[in-house]
Amino acid sequence: MSASEIKKEKQIKRRTWMMPQEVEVWYVLPAIRRELAKMMKKKTVPRTNEEGEVVDHKITQKEIARMLGVTEPAITQYLLKKKGRRSRGDQVDIPDVILKEIDKSADIMIAEFEKARKDDDDIFEAMTSEINRIIRVMRDEGIMCDIHREFCAHVNDTCEACK
């Protein structure tokens, strides 16, 4: 085992027993929300200003919080670029293949938000559907099993409990 692997092993507090669903709730959901927030913050949508001109509007943190069903301070934490791992969600690195899926979900959620914004509706159903889709892809790709192994000491390399 290399020095970096040993250091990483020490950084992660491995619990003796944890269900895969607990890993999803405690670690994966915050990591997905973090990545969604980071992607949404970079996106723009066309909106009409007071003069009637259509201009590109940057998505605000308040709007992101509303789309993800979390508080504005949570979005601030997701977007901070501090070194180290501040929260459980920061302990999960999302693979590039999933980041592409998250980017698609961000676009879908923003489009739904733009429709709902005019009627002051929420996008709970779209948000839930997209996050469930991302988790399904992570399960299908075996990524969720890898994350479960990382956080639970009793999950061995040949575990097939979720299949």
C-alpha atoms as a PDB file:
ATOM      1  CA  MET A   1       0.000   0.000   0.000  1.00  0.00           C
ATOM      2  CA  SER A   2       1.444   3.376  -1.014  1.00  0.00           C
ATOM      3  CA  ALA A   3       1.799   6.325   1.359  1.00  0.00           C
ATOM      4  CA  SER A   4      -1.059   8.191  -0.335  1.00  0.00           C
ATOM      5  CA  GLU A   5      -3.350   5.162  -0.034  1.00  0.00           C
ATOM      6  CA  ILE A   6      -2.505   4.819   3.656  1.00  0.00           C
ATOM      7  CA  LYS A   7      -3.163   8.530   4.183  1.00  0.00           C
ATOM      8  CA  LYS A   8      -6.520   8.266   2.375  1.00  0.00           C
ATOM      9  CA  GLU A   9      -7.397   5.175   4.439  1.00  0.00           C
ATOM     10  CA  LYS A  10      -6.762   7.157   7.625  1.00  0.00           C
ATOM     11  CA  GLN A  11      -8.756  10.171   6.388  1.00  0.00           C
ATOM     12  CA  ILE A  12     -11.936   8.188   5.875  1.00  0.00           C
ATOM     13  CA  LYS A  13     -13.520   6.965   9.059  1.00  0.00           C
ATOM     14  CA  ARG A  14     -14.662   3.503   8.034  1.00  0.00           C
ATOM     15  CA  ARG A  15     -17.720   2.369   9.910  1.00  0.00           C
ATOM     16  CA  THR A  16     -18.013  -1.282  10.751  1.00  0.00           C
ATOM     17  CA  TRP A  17     -21.538  -1.705   9.428  1.00  0.00           C
ATOM     18  CA  MET A  18     -23.444   0.508   7.035  1.00  0.00           C
ATOM     19  CA  MET A  19     -26.200  -0.240   4.568  1.00  0.00           C
ATOM     20  CA  PRO A  20     -25.705   0.957   0.965  1.00  0.00           C
ATOM     21  CA  GLN A  21     -28.738   3.218   1.368  1.00  0.00           C
ATOM     22  CA  GLU A  22     -27.043   4.963   4.305  1.00  0.00           C
ATOM     23  CA  VAL A  23     -24.001   5.641   2.143  1.00  0.00           C
ATOM     24  CA  GLU A  24     -26.295   7.104  -0.515  1.00  0.00           C
ATOM     25  CA  VAL A  25     -28.051   9.425   1.945  1.00  0.00           C
ATOM     26  CA  TRP A  26     -25.039  10.496   4.003  1.00  0.00           C
ATOM     27  CA  TYR A  27     -22.350  10.717   1.332  1.00  0.00           C
ATOM     28  CA  VAL A  28     -23.608  10.366  -2.248  1.00  0.00           C
ATOM     29  CA  LEU A  29     -26.637  12.706  -2.198  1.00  0.00           C
ATOM     30  CA  PRO A  30     -24.614  15.632  -0.802  1.00  0.00           C
ATOM     31  CA  ALA A  31     -21.892  14.943  -3.395  1.00  0.00           C
ATOM     32  CA  ILE A  32     -24.462  14.920  -6.214  1.00  0.00           C
ATOM     33  CA  ARG A  33     -26.006  18.149  -4.928  1.00  0.00           C
ATOM     34  CA  ARG A  34     -22.516  19.689  -4.704  1.00  0.00           C
ATOM     35  CA  GLU A  35     -21.778  18.826  -8.339  1.00  0.00           C
ATOM     36  CA  LEU A  36     -25.221  19.994  -9.492  1.00  0.00           C
ATOM     37  CA  ALA A  37     -24.699  23.316  -7.700  1.00  0.00           C
ATOM     38  CA  LYS A  38     -21.245  23.778  -9.244  1.00  0.00           C
ATOM     39  CA  MET A  39     -22.570  23.062 -12.735  1.00  0.00           C
ATOM     40  CA  MET A  40     -25.701  25.178 -12.343  1.00  0.00           C
ATOM     41  CA  LYS A  41     -23.635  28.140 -11.143  1.00  0.00           C
ATOM     42  CA  LYS A  42     -21.777  28.177 -14.493  1.00  0.00           C
ATOM     43  CA  LYS A  43     -24.930  28.105 -16.621  1.00  0.00           C
ATOM     44  CA  THR A  44     -27.041  30.915 -18.019  1.00  0.00           C
ATOM     45  CA  VAL A  45     -30.626  31.122 -19.209  1.00  0.00           C
ATOM     46  CA  PRO A  46     -32.225  33.631 -21.576  1.00  0.00           C
ATOM     47  CA  ARG A  47     -34.540  35.997 -19.701  1.00  0.00           C
ATOM     48  CA  THR A  48     -36.275  39.209 -20.631  1.00  0.00           C
ATOM     49  CA  ASN A  49     -35.047  42.280 -18.743  1.00  0.00           C
ATOM     50  CA  GLU A  50     -37.024  45.431 -17.841  1.00  0.00           C
ATOM     51  CA  GLU A  51     -36.341  46.921 -21.289  1.00  0.00           C
ATOM     52  CA  GLY A  52     -37.844  43.885 -22.982  1.00  0.00           C
ATOM     53  CA  GLU A  53     -34.484  42.620 -24.251  1.00  0.00           C
ATOM     54  CA  VAL A  54     -33.587  38.967 -23.981  1.00  0.00           C
ATOM     55  CA  VAL A  55     -30.305  38.658 -22.094  1.00  0.00           C
ATOM     56  CA  ASP A  56     -28.308  35.790 -20.631  1.00  0.00           C
ATOM     57  CA  HIS A  57     -29.036  35.496 -16.920  1.00  0.00           C
ATOM     58  CA  LYS A  58     -26.608  33.691 -14.610  1.00  0.00           C
ATOM     59  CA  ILE A  59     -28.315  31.256 -12.256  1.00  0.00           C
ATOM     60  CA  THR A  60     -28.192  32.655  -8.704  1.00  0.00           C
ATOM     61  CA  GLN A  61     -27.414  30.707  -5.547  1.00  0.00           C
ATOM     62  CA  LYS A  62     -30.945  31.415  -4.331  1.00  0.00           C
ATOM     63  CA  GLU A  63     -32.348  29.829  -7.502  1.00  0.00           C
ATOM     64  CA  ILE A  64     -30.003  26.839  -7.181  1.00  0.00           C
ATOM     65  CA  ALA A  65     -31.104  26.346  -3.562  1.00  0.00           C
ATOM     66  CA  ARG A  66     -34.727  26.386  -4.668  1.00  0.00           C
ATOM     67  CA  MET A  67     -34.040  23.898  -7.485  1.00  0.00           C
ATOM     68  CA  LEU A  68     -32.202  21.481  -5.185  1.00  0.00           C
ATOM     69  CA  GLY A  69     -34.531  21.896  -2.201  1.00  0.00           C
ATOM     70  CA  VAL A  70     -31.777  23.022   0.168  1.00  0.00           C
ATOM     71  CA  THR A  71     -30.859  26.260   1.924  1.00  0.00           C
ATOM     72  CA  GLU A  72     -28.754  29.049   0.442  1.00  0.00           C
ATOM     73  CA  PRO A  73     -25.988  28.464   3.038  1.00  0.00           C
ATOM     74  CA  ALA A  74     -25.825  24.838   1.848  1.00  0.00           C
ATOM     75  CA  ILE A  75     -25.219  26.069  -1.699  1.00  0.00           C
ATOM     76  CA  THR A  76     -22.501  28.414  -0.417  1.00  0.00           C
ATOM     77  CA  GLN A  77     -20.783  25.448   1.236  1.00  0.00           C
ATOM     78  CA  TYR A  78     -21.053  23.373  -1.951  1.00  0.00           C
ATOM     79  CA  LEU A  79     -19.448  26.172  -3.971  1.00  0.00           C
ATOM     80  CA  LEU A  80     -16.621  27.019  -1.549  1.00  0.00           C
ATOM     81  CA  LYS A  81     -13.221  25.997  -2.782  1.00  0.00           C
ATOM     82  CA  LYS A  82     -11.566  25.376   0.570  1.00  0.00           C
ATOM     83  CA  LYS A  83      -8.901  22.724   0.828  1.00  0.00           C
ATOM     84  CA  GLY A  84      -9.758  19.563   2.699  1.00  0.00           C
ATOM     85  CA  ARG A  85     -13.015  17.753   3.125  1.00  0.00           C
ATOM     86  CA  ARG A  86     -15.495  19.761   5.168  1.00  0.00           C
ATOM     87  CA  SER A  87     -18.533  17.529   4.954  1.00  0.00           C
ATOM     88  CA  ARG A  88     -19.588  14.000   4.148  1.00  0.00           C
ATOM     89  CA  GLY A  89     -20.447  14.997   0.592  1.00  0.00           C
ATOM     90  CA  ASP A  90     -16.899  16.234   0.086  1.00  0.00           C
ATOM     91  CA  GLN A  91     -15.582  12.755   0.840  1.00  0.00           C
ATOM     92  CA  VAL A  92     -17.006  11.285  -2.373  1.00  0.00           C
ATOM     93  CA  ASP A  93     -15.332  11.942  -5.701  1.00  0.00           C
ATOM     94  CA  ILE A  94     -17.812  11.676  -8.552  1.00  0.00           C
ATOM     95  CA  PRO A  95     -16.323   9.972 -11.657  1.00  0.00           C
ATOM     96  CA  ASP A  96     -16.304  11.827 -14.992  1.00  0.00           C
ATOM     97  CA  VAL A  97     -18.884   9.477 -16.536  1.00  0.00           C
ATOM     98  CA  ILE A  98     -21.338  10.514 -13.807  1.00  0.00           C
ATOM     99  CA  LEU A  99     -20.395  14.199 -14.074  1.00  0.00           C
ATOM    100  CA  LYS A 100     -21.676  14.077 -17.661  1.00  0.00           C
ATOM    101  CA  GLU A 101     -24.982  12.683 -16.391  1.00  0.00           C
ATOM    102  CA  ILE A 102     -25.126  15.350 -13.685  1.00  0.00           C
ATOM    103  CA  ASP A 103     -24.584  18.026 -16.335  1.00  0.00           C
ATOM    104  CA  LYS A 104     -27.557  16.652 -18.317  1.00  0.00           C
ATOM    105  CA  SER A 105     -29.655  16.669 -15.142  1.00  0.00           C
ATOM    106  CA  ALA A 106     -28.639  20.258 -14.395  1.00  0.00           C
ATOM    107  CA  ASP A 107     -29.895  21.324 -17.833  1.00  0.00           C
ATOM    108  CA  ILE A 108     -33.187  19.477 -17.336  1.00  0.00           C
ATOM    109  CA  MET A 109     -33.693  20.913 -13.851  1.00  0.00           C
ATOM    110  CA  ILE A 110     -32.929  24.455 -15.022  1.00  0.00           C
ATOM    111  CA  ALA A 111     -35.406  24.097 -17.903  1.00  0.00           C
ATOM    112  CA  GLU A 112     -38.070  22.842 -15.478  1.00  0.00           C
ATOM    113  CA  PHE A 113     -37.238  25.673 -13.088  1.00  0.00           C
ATOM    114  CA  GLU A 114     -37.656  28.244 -15.834  1.00  0.00           C
ATOM    115  CA  LYS A 115     -41.127  26.867 -16.601  1.00  0.00           C
ATOM    116  CA  ALA A 116     -42.091  26.696 -12.914  1.00  0.00           C
ATOM    117  CA  ARG A 117     -40.581  30.097 -12.035  1.00  0.00           C
ATOM    118  CA  LYS A 118     -43.331  31.982 -13.829  1.00  0.00           C
ATOM    119  CA  ASP A 119     -46.045  30.206 -11.828  1.00  0.00           C
ATOM    120  CA  ASP A 120     -44.066  30.211  -8.542  1.00  0.00           C
ATOM    121  CA  ASP A 121     -44.133  26.396  -8.551  1.00  0.00           C
ATOM    122  CA  ASP A 122     -41.413  24.096  -7.330  1.00  0.00           C
ATOM    123  CA  ILE A 123     -39.610  21.425  -9.315  1.00  0.00           C
ATOM    124  CA  PHE A 124     -39.571  18.731  -6.637  1.00  0.00           C
ATOM    125  CA  GLU A 125     -40.672  16.005  -9.044  1.00  0.00           C
ATOM    126  CA  ALA A 126     -38.077  16.868 -11.699  1.00  0.00           C
ATOM    127  CA  MET A 127     -35.312  17.191  -9.080  1.00  0.00           C
ATOM    128  CA  THR A 128     -36.229  13.871  -7.483  1.00  0.00           C
ATOM    129  CA  SER A 129     -36.472  12.135 -10.835  1.00  0.00           C
ATOM    130  CA  GLU A 130     -33.079  13.399 -12.003  1.00  0.00           C
ATOM    131  CA  ILE A 131     -31.250  12.572  -8.774  1.00  0.00           C
ATOM    132  CA  ASN A 132     -32.818   9.099  -8.793  1.00  0.00           C
ATOM    133  CA  ARG A 133     -31.657   8.682 -12.390  1.00  0.00           C
ATOM    134  CA  ILE A 134     -28.088   9.629 -11.445  1.00  0.00           C
ATOM    135  CA  ILE A 135     -28.083   7.177  -8.541  1.00  0.00           C
ATOM    136  CA  ARG A 136     -29.453   4.445 -10.829  1.00  0.00           C
ATOM    137  CA  VAL A 137     -26.608   5.062 -13.285  1.00  0.00           C
ATOM    138  CA  MET A 138     -24.114   4.946 -10.415  1.00  0.00           C
ATOM    139  CA  ARG A 139     -25.552   1.617  -9.267  1.00  0.00           C
ATOM    140  CA  ASP A 140     -25.574   0.188 -12.805  1.00  0.00           C
ATOM    141  CA  GLU A 141     -21.940   1.213 -13.331  1.00  0.00           C
ATOM    142  CA  GLY A 142     -20.886  -0.350 -10.004  1.00  0.00           C
ATOM    143  CA  ILE A 143     -19.791   3.021  -8.656  1.00  0.00           C
ATOM    144  CA  MET A 144     -22.148   2.844  -5.703  1.00  0.00           C
ATOM    145  CA  CYS A 145     -20.590  -0.487  -4.679  1.00  0.00           C
ATOM    146  CA  ASP A 146     -17.112   1.078  -4.823  1.00  0.00           C
ATOM    147  CA  ILE A 147     -18.242   3.947  -2.607  1.00  0.00           C
ATOM    148  CA  HIS A 148     -19.904   1.494  -0.203  1.00  0.00           C
ATOM    149  CA  ARG A 149     -16.648  -0.488   0.033  1.00  0.00           C
ATOM    150  CA  GLU A 150     -14.759   2.714   0.732  1.00  0.00           C
ATOM    151  CA  PHE A 151     -16.934   3.681   3.704  1.00  0.00           C
ATOM    152  CA  CYS A 152     -17.856   0.327   5.224  1.00  0.00           C
ATOM    153  CA  ALA A 153     -15.199  -1.974   6.608  1.00  0.00           C
ATOM    154  CA  HIS A 154     -17.269  -5.169   6.162  1.00  0.00           C
ATOM    155  CA  VAL A 155     -17.991  -4.900   2.444  1.00  0.00           C
ATOM    156  CA  ASN A 156     -15.594  -7.169   0.591  1.00  0.00           C
ATOM    157  CA  ASP A 157     -14.512  -7.022  -3.041  1.00  0.00           C
ATOM    158  CA  THR A 158     -16.845  -9.849  -4.058  1.00  0.00           C
ATOM    159  CA  CYS A 159     -19.976  -8.435  -2.392  1.00  0.00           C
ATOM    160  CA  GLU A 160     -23.088  -8.811  -4.571  1.00  0.00           C
ATOM    161  CA  ALA A 161     -25.741  -8.000  -1.961  1.00  0.00           C
ATOM    162  CA  CYS A 162     -27.318  -5.253  -4.088  1.00  0.00           C
ATOM    163  CA  LYS A 163     -27.481  -7.236  -7.314  1.00  0.00           C
END
